């Protein structure tokens, strides 16, 4: 069952940054391919660095993995946005980012889980992206979640984007890894079902059906609240 919650947060006025981020500035730091630059031009109207959640703006202690959290507003030209565009922005900005996408009076949140590399602390590791559904951009916003530090706040901002709830006291990194496994299994399931639809031989159909049952069982194990992390 999809537990993803569609939530917009009311960020404090003290944290307002409000600077337009030119695309060429992103290009300088991320070195995108020509094709990726074309996606920026085709899909992105404007990027605004809207809020900076930091010790000096919201009075929460930084941790090494989350020194600040940035909130970016991205206005789209046609309602579509390839994740490669977001990944390019994440590559250019060395902080965790929560994106709010805007198009045609609607808004959605999208973000990856971003953390410093254990092998090289100057580099960042990014997960797959998680997002809410589109909702009216004038929807009433909820107060910022209560948290003891920026690390806990980051977890509470990411949590509503994930399609399945945490299991027990599952750490954020473990939960993200589980979400990625679920997605990988879902892609595997789609491929197996496509193969089944094309298969003519009865024996092969039986084999593929068995594969499908196994994959569905693995997905159920990964998504149930009684599963182990």
Protein backbone atom coordinates (compact mmCIF):
# COMPACT_ATOMS: atom_id res chain seq x y z
CA UNK A 1 0.00 0.00 0.00
CA UNK A 2 1.27 3.47 -0.90
CA UNK A 3 1.68 5.52 2.28
CA UNK A 4 3.10 8.61 0.58
CA UNK A 5 1.73 11.78 2.16
CA UNK A 6 1.25 14.95 0.15
CA UNK A 7 2.54 17.69 2.44
CA UNK A 8 3.70 21.25 1.91
CA UNK A 9 5.60 22.81 4.79
CA UNK A 10 5.46 26.41 5.97
CA UNK A 11 9.12 27.44 6.06
CA UNK A 12 10.03 30.25 8.50
CA UNK A 13 10.33 33.77 7.11
CA UNK A 14 13.73 34.04 8.85
CA UNK A 15 15.01 31.27 6.57
CA UNK A 16 13.94 33.05 3.34
CA UNK A 17 16.75 33.29 0.79
CA UNK A 18 14.82 34.10 -2.37
CA UNK A 19 17.55 34.20 -5.00
CA UNK A 20 17.04 33.20 -8.61
CA UNK A 21 19.64 30.59 -9.54
CA UNK A 22 20.76 31.05 -13.17
CA UNK A 23 21.10 27.82 -15.12
CA UNK A 24 24.61 28.74 -16.28
CA UNK A 25 25.75 28.82 -12.62
CA UNK A 26 24.62 25.20 -12.28
CA UNK A 27 26.44 24.34 -15.50
CA UNK A 28 29.68 25.79 -14.07
CA UNK A 29 29.65 23.43 -11.10
CA UNK A 30 28.03 20.31 -12.59
CA UNK A 31 29.39 20.25 -16.18
CA UNK A 32 26.25 18.79 -17.79
CA UNK A 33 26.25 17.28 -21.27
CA UNK A 34 24.77 19.18 -24.19
CA UNK A 35 21.70 16.93 -24.03
CA UNK A 36 21.19 17.73 -20.35
CA UNK A 37 21.51 21.47 -21.01
CA UNK A 38 18.81 21.08 -23.66
CA UNK A 39 16.56 19.43 -21.03
CA UNK A 40 17.09 22.40 -18.71
CA UNK A 41 16.07 24.78 -21.50
CA UNK A 42 13.09 22.67 -22.58
CA UNK A 43 11.68 21.79 -19.16
CA UNK A 44 12.79 24.42 -16.61
CA UNK A 45 11.43 27.95 -16.59
CA UNK A 46 13.08 29.24 -13.39
CA UNK A 47 14.96 27.97 -10.34
CA UNK A 48 14.68 29.95 -7.10
CA UNK A 49 16.82 29.18 -4.05
CA UNK A 50 13.85 29.90 -1.78
CA UNK A 51 14.91 28.96 1.76
CA UNK A 52 18.11 28.15 3.61
CA UNK A 53 17.52 26.05 6.72
CA UNK A 54 20.66 26.51 8.81
CA UNK A 55 21.65 27.05 12.48
CA UNK A 56 21.56 30.82 12.01
CA UNK A 57 18.14 30.86 10.31
CA UNK A 58 16.08 28.28 12.23
CA UNK A 59 18.13 27.82 15.41
CA UNK A 60 18.75 24.09 14.96
CA UNK A 61 22.17 22.50 15.42
CA UNK A 62 23.95 21.29 12.28
CA UNK A 63 25.38 17.78 12.04
CA UNK A 64 28.24 16.72 9.78
CA UNK A 65 25.95 14.99 7.29
CA UNK A 66 23.42 17.85 7.28
CA UNK A 67 25.14 21.24 7.76
CA UNK A 68 22.22 23.01 6.03
CA UNK A 69 19.05 22.11 4.09
CA UNK A 70 18.13 24.07 0.97
CA UNK A 71 14.60 24.51 -0.39
CA UNK A 72 14.46 25.11 -4.14
CA UNK A 73 11.38 26.23 -6.08
CA UNK A 74 11.51 25.00 -9.70
CA UNK A 75 8.92 26.38 -12.12
CA UNK A 76 8.36 24.05 -15.07
CA UNK A 77 7.52 24.91 -18.66
CA UNK A 78 5.36 21.91 -19.52
CA UNK A 79 4.82 19.95 -16.29
CA UNK A 80 7.54 17.41 -17.09
CA UNK A 81 10.94 17.16 -15.46
CA UNK A 82 13.54 14.45 -15.96
CA UNK A 83 15.26 13.41 -12.75
CA UNK A 84 18.60 13.95 -14.52
CA UNK A 85 17.93 17.70 -14.24
CA UNK A 86 17.45 17.46 -10.47
CA UNK A 87 20.50 15.22 -10.16
CA UNK A 88 22.54 17.88 -11.97
CA UNK A 89 21.37 20.56 -9.50
CA UNK A 90 22.12 18.25 -6.58
CA UNK A 91 25.60 17.71 -8.00
CA UNK A 92 26.19 21.48 -8.18
CA UNK A 93 24.96 22.31 -4.65
CA UNK A 94 26.87 20.58 -1.78
CA UNK A 95 23.92 20.44 0.63
CA UNK A 96 20.74 18.37 0.95
CA UNK A 97 17.94 19.90 -1.16
CA UNK A 98 14.16 19.60 -1.04
CA UNK A 99 12.63 20.62 -4.38
CA UNK A 100 9.17 22.13 -4.77
CA UNK A 101 8.06 21.86 -8.41
CA UNK A 102 5.46 24.28 -9.76
CA UNK A 103 3.31 24.07 -12.87
CA UNK A 104 -0.16 25.30 -13.81
CA UNK A 105 -1.24 26.22 -10.26
CA UNK A 106 -0.04 22.92 -8.81
CA UNK A 107 2.93 21.93 -6.68
CA UNK A 108 4.75 18.74 -5.67
CA UNK A 109 7.74 17.91 -3.47
CA UNK A 110 10.60 15.80 -4.75
CA UNK A 111 14.02 14.98 -3.29
CA UNK A 112 16.69 12.33 -3.07
CA UNK A 113 18.45 11.28 0.11
CA UNK A 114 21.81 13.03 -0.05
CA UNK A 115 24.74 12.34 2.26
CA UNK A 116 28.51 12.88 2.30
CA UNK A 117 30.51 10.01 0.84
CA UNK A 118 32.22 7.85 3.45
CA UNK A 119 35.17 7.41 1.08
CA UNK A 120 35.53 11.12 0.24
CA UNK A 121 33.82 13.70 2.47
CA UNK A 122 34.07 16.34 -0.29
CA UNK A 123 31.71 14.27 -2.47
CA UNK A 124 28.01 13.56 -1.97
CA UNK A 125 26.12 10.31 -2.51
CA UNK A 126 22.56 10.62 -3.84
CA UNK A 127 19.75 8.06 -3.79
CA UNK A 128 16.87 7.65 -6.20
CA UNK A 129 14.26 10.42 -6.07
CA UNK A 130 11.05 10.27 -4.05
CA UNK A 131 8.08 12.55 -4.61
CA UNK A 132 4.54 13.43 -3.59
CA UNK A 133 1.58 13.79 -5.94
CA UNK A 134 0.68 17.15 -7.49
CA UNK A 135 -1.61 19.30 -5.31
CA UNK A 136 -2.93 22.87 -5.55
CA UNK A 137 -0.09 25.27 -4.77
CA UNK A 138 -2.37 27.32 -2.48
CA UNK A 139 -2.99 24.26 -0.25
CA UNK A 140 -2.65 25.13 3.44
CA UNK A 141 0.92 24.48 4.53
CA UNK A 142 1.79 22.58 7.69
CA UNK A 143 4.20 23.89 10.35
CA UNK A 144 7.79 22.73 10.04
CA UNK A 145 8.21 19.40 11.90
CA UNK A 146 9.66 19.58 15.40
CA UNK A 147 13.25 18.32 15.47
CA UNK A 148 16.30 18.49 17.75
CA UNK A 149 18.83 19.11 14.97
CA UNK A 150 19.08 19.54 11.20
CA UNK A 151 19.66 15.81 10.70
CA UNK A 152 16.36 14.94 12.36
CA UNK A 153 14.60 17.73 10.45
CA UNK A 154 15.97 16.40 7.15
CA UNK A 155 14.56 12.96 7.96
CA UNK A 156 11.14 14.48 8.77
CA UNK A 157 11.13 16.45 5.50
CA UNK A 158 12.06 13.38 3.43
CA UNK A 159 9.75 10.95 5.21
CA UNK A 160 6.46 12.14 3.61
CA UNK A 161 7.99 11.61 0.15
CA UNK A 162 8.62 7.90 0.65
CA UNK A 163 5.99 5.40 -0.51
CA UNK A 164 6.23 3.07 2.50
CA UNK A 165 6.59 3.81 6.22
CA UNK A 166 9.65 3.15 8.33
CA UNK A 167 9.85 -0.23 10.02
CA UNK A 168 10.31 0.14 13.76
CA UNK A 169 13.35 2.31 14.49
CA UNK A 170 14.72 1.92 10.95
CA UNK A 171 17.42 4.50 10.20
CA UNK A 172 16.84 6.85 7.27
CA UNK A 173 19.71 5.39 5.23
CA UNK A 174 18.34 1.84 5.73
CA UNK A 175 14.83 2.94 4.83
CA UNK A 176 16.05 4.59 1.63
CA UNK A 177 17.99 1.44 0.71
CA UNK A 178 14.82 -0.61 1.23
CA UNK A 179 12.79 1.79 -0.96
CA UNK A 180 15.39 1.39 -3.71
CA UNK A 181 15.23 -2.42 -3.42
CA UNK A 182 11.43 -2.26 -3.73
CA UNK A 183 11.71 -0.14 -6.87
CA UNK A 184 14.28 -2.53 -8.37
CA UNK A 185 11.96 -5.49 -7.69
CA UNK A 186 9.00 -3.59 -9.18
CA UNK A 187 11.00 -2.97 -12.35
CA UNK A 188 11.95 -6.66 -12.42
CA UNK A 189 8.28 -7.58 -12.04
CA UNK A 190 7.27 -5.35 -14.96
CA UNK A 191 9.89 -6.99 -17.19
CA UNK A 192 8.78 -10.49 -16.20
CA UNK A 193 5.12 -9.65 -16.85
CA UNK A 194 6.04 -8.23 -20.26
CA UNK A 195 7.95 -11.45 -21.07
CA UNK A 196 4.95 -13.52 -19.96
CA UNK A 197 2.62 -11.60 -22.29
CA UNK A 198 4.91 -12.30 -25.26
CA UNK A 199 5.71 -15.94 -24.44
CA UNK A 200 3.94 -18.62 -26.52
CA UNK A 201 5.37 -21.83 -25.04
CA UNK A 202 3.40 -23.32 -22.15
CA UNK A 203 6.48 -24.58 -20.25
CA UNK A 204 8.14 -21.17 -20.40
CA UNK A 205 4.89 -19.52 -19.25
CA UNK A 206 4.89 -21.78 -16.17
CA UNK A 207 8.50 -20.83 -15.40
CA UNK A 208 7.85 -17.09 -15.80
CA UNK A 209 4.71 -17.32 -13.64
CA UNK A 210 6.83 -18.89 -10.90
CA UNK A 211 9.34 -16.03 -11.24
CA UNK A 212 6.51 -13.50 -10.94
CA UNK A 213 5.17 -15.16 -7.79
CA UNK A 214 8.65 -15.07 -6.23
CA UNK A 215 9.17 -11.41 -7.09
CA UNK A 216 5.73 -10.47 -5.69
CA UNK A 217 6.60 -12.33 -2.48
CA UNK A 218 9.90 -10.43 -2.22
CA UNK A 219 8.10 -7.10 -2.72
CA UNK A 220 5.53 -8.01 -0.06
CA UNK A 221 8.35 -8.89 2.37
CA UNK A 222 10.10 -5.57 1.72
CA UNK A 223 6.94 -3.49 2.08
CA UNK A 224 5.25 -5.06 5.09
CA UNK A 225 5.64 -3.35 8.45
CA UNK A 226 6.60 -6.68 10.03
CA UNK A 227 9.59 -7.09 7.70
CA UNK A 228 13.11 -6.79 9.02
CA UNK A 229 15.18 -3.81 7.94
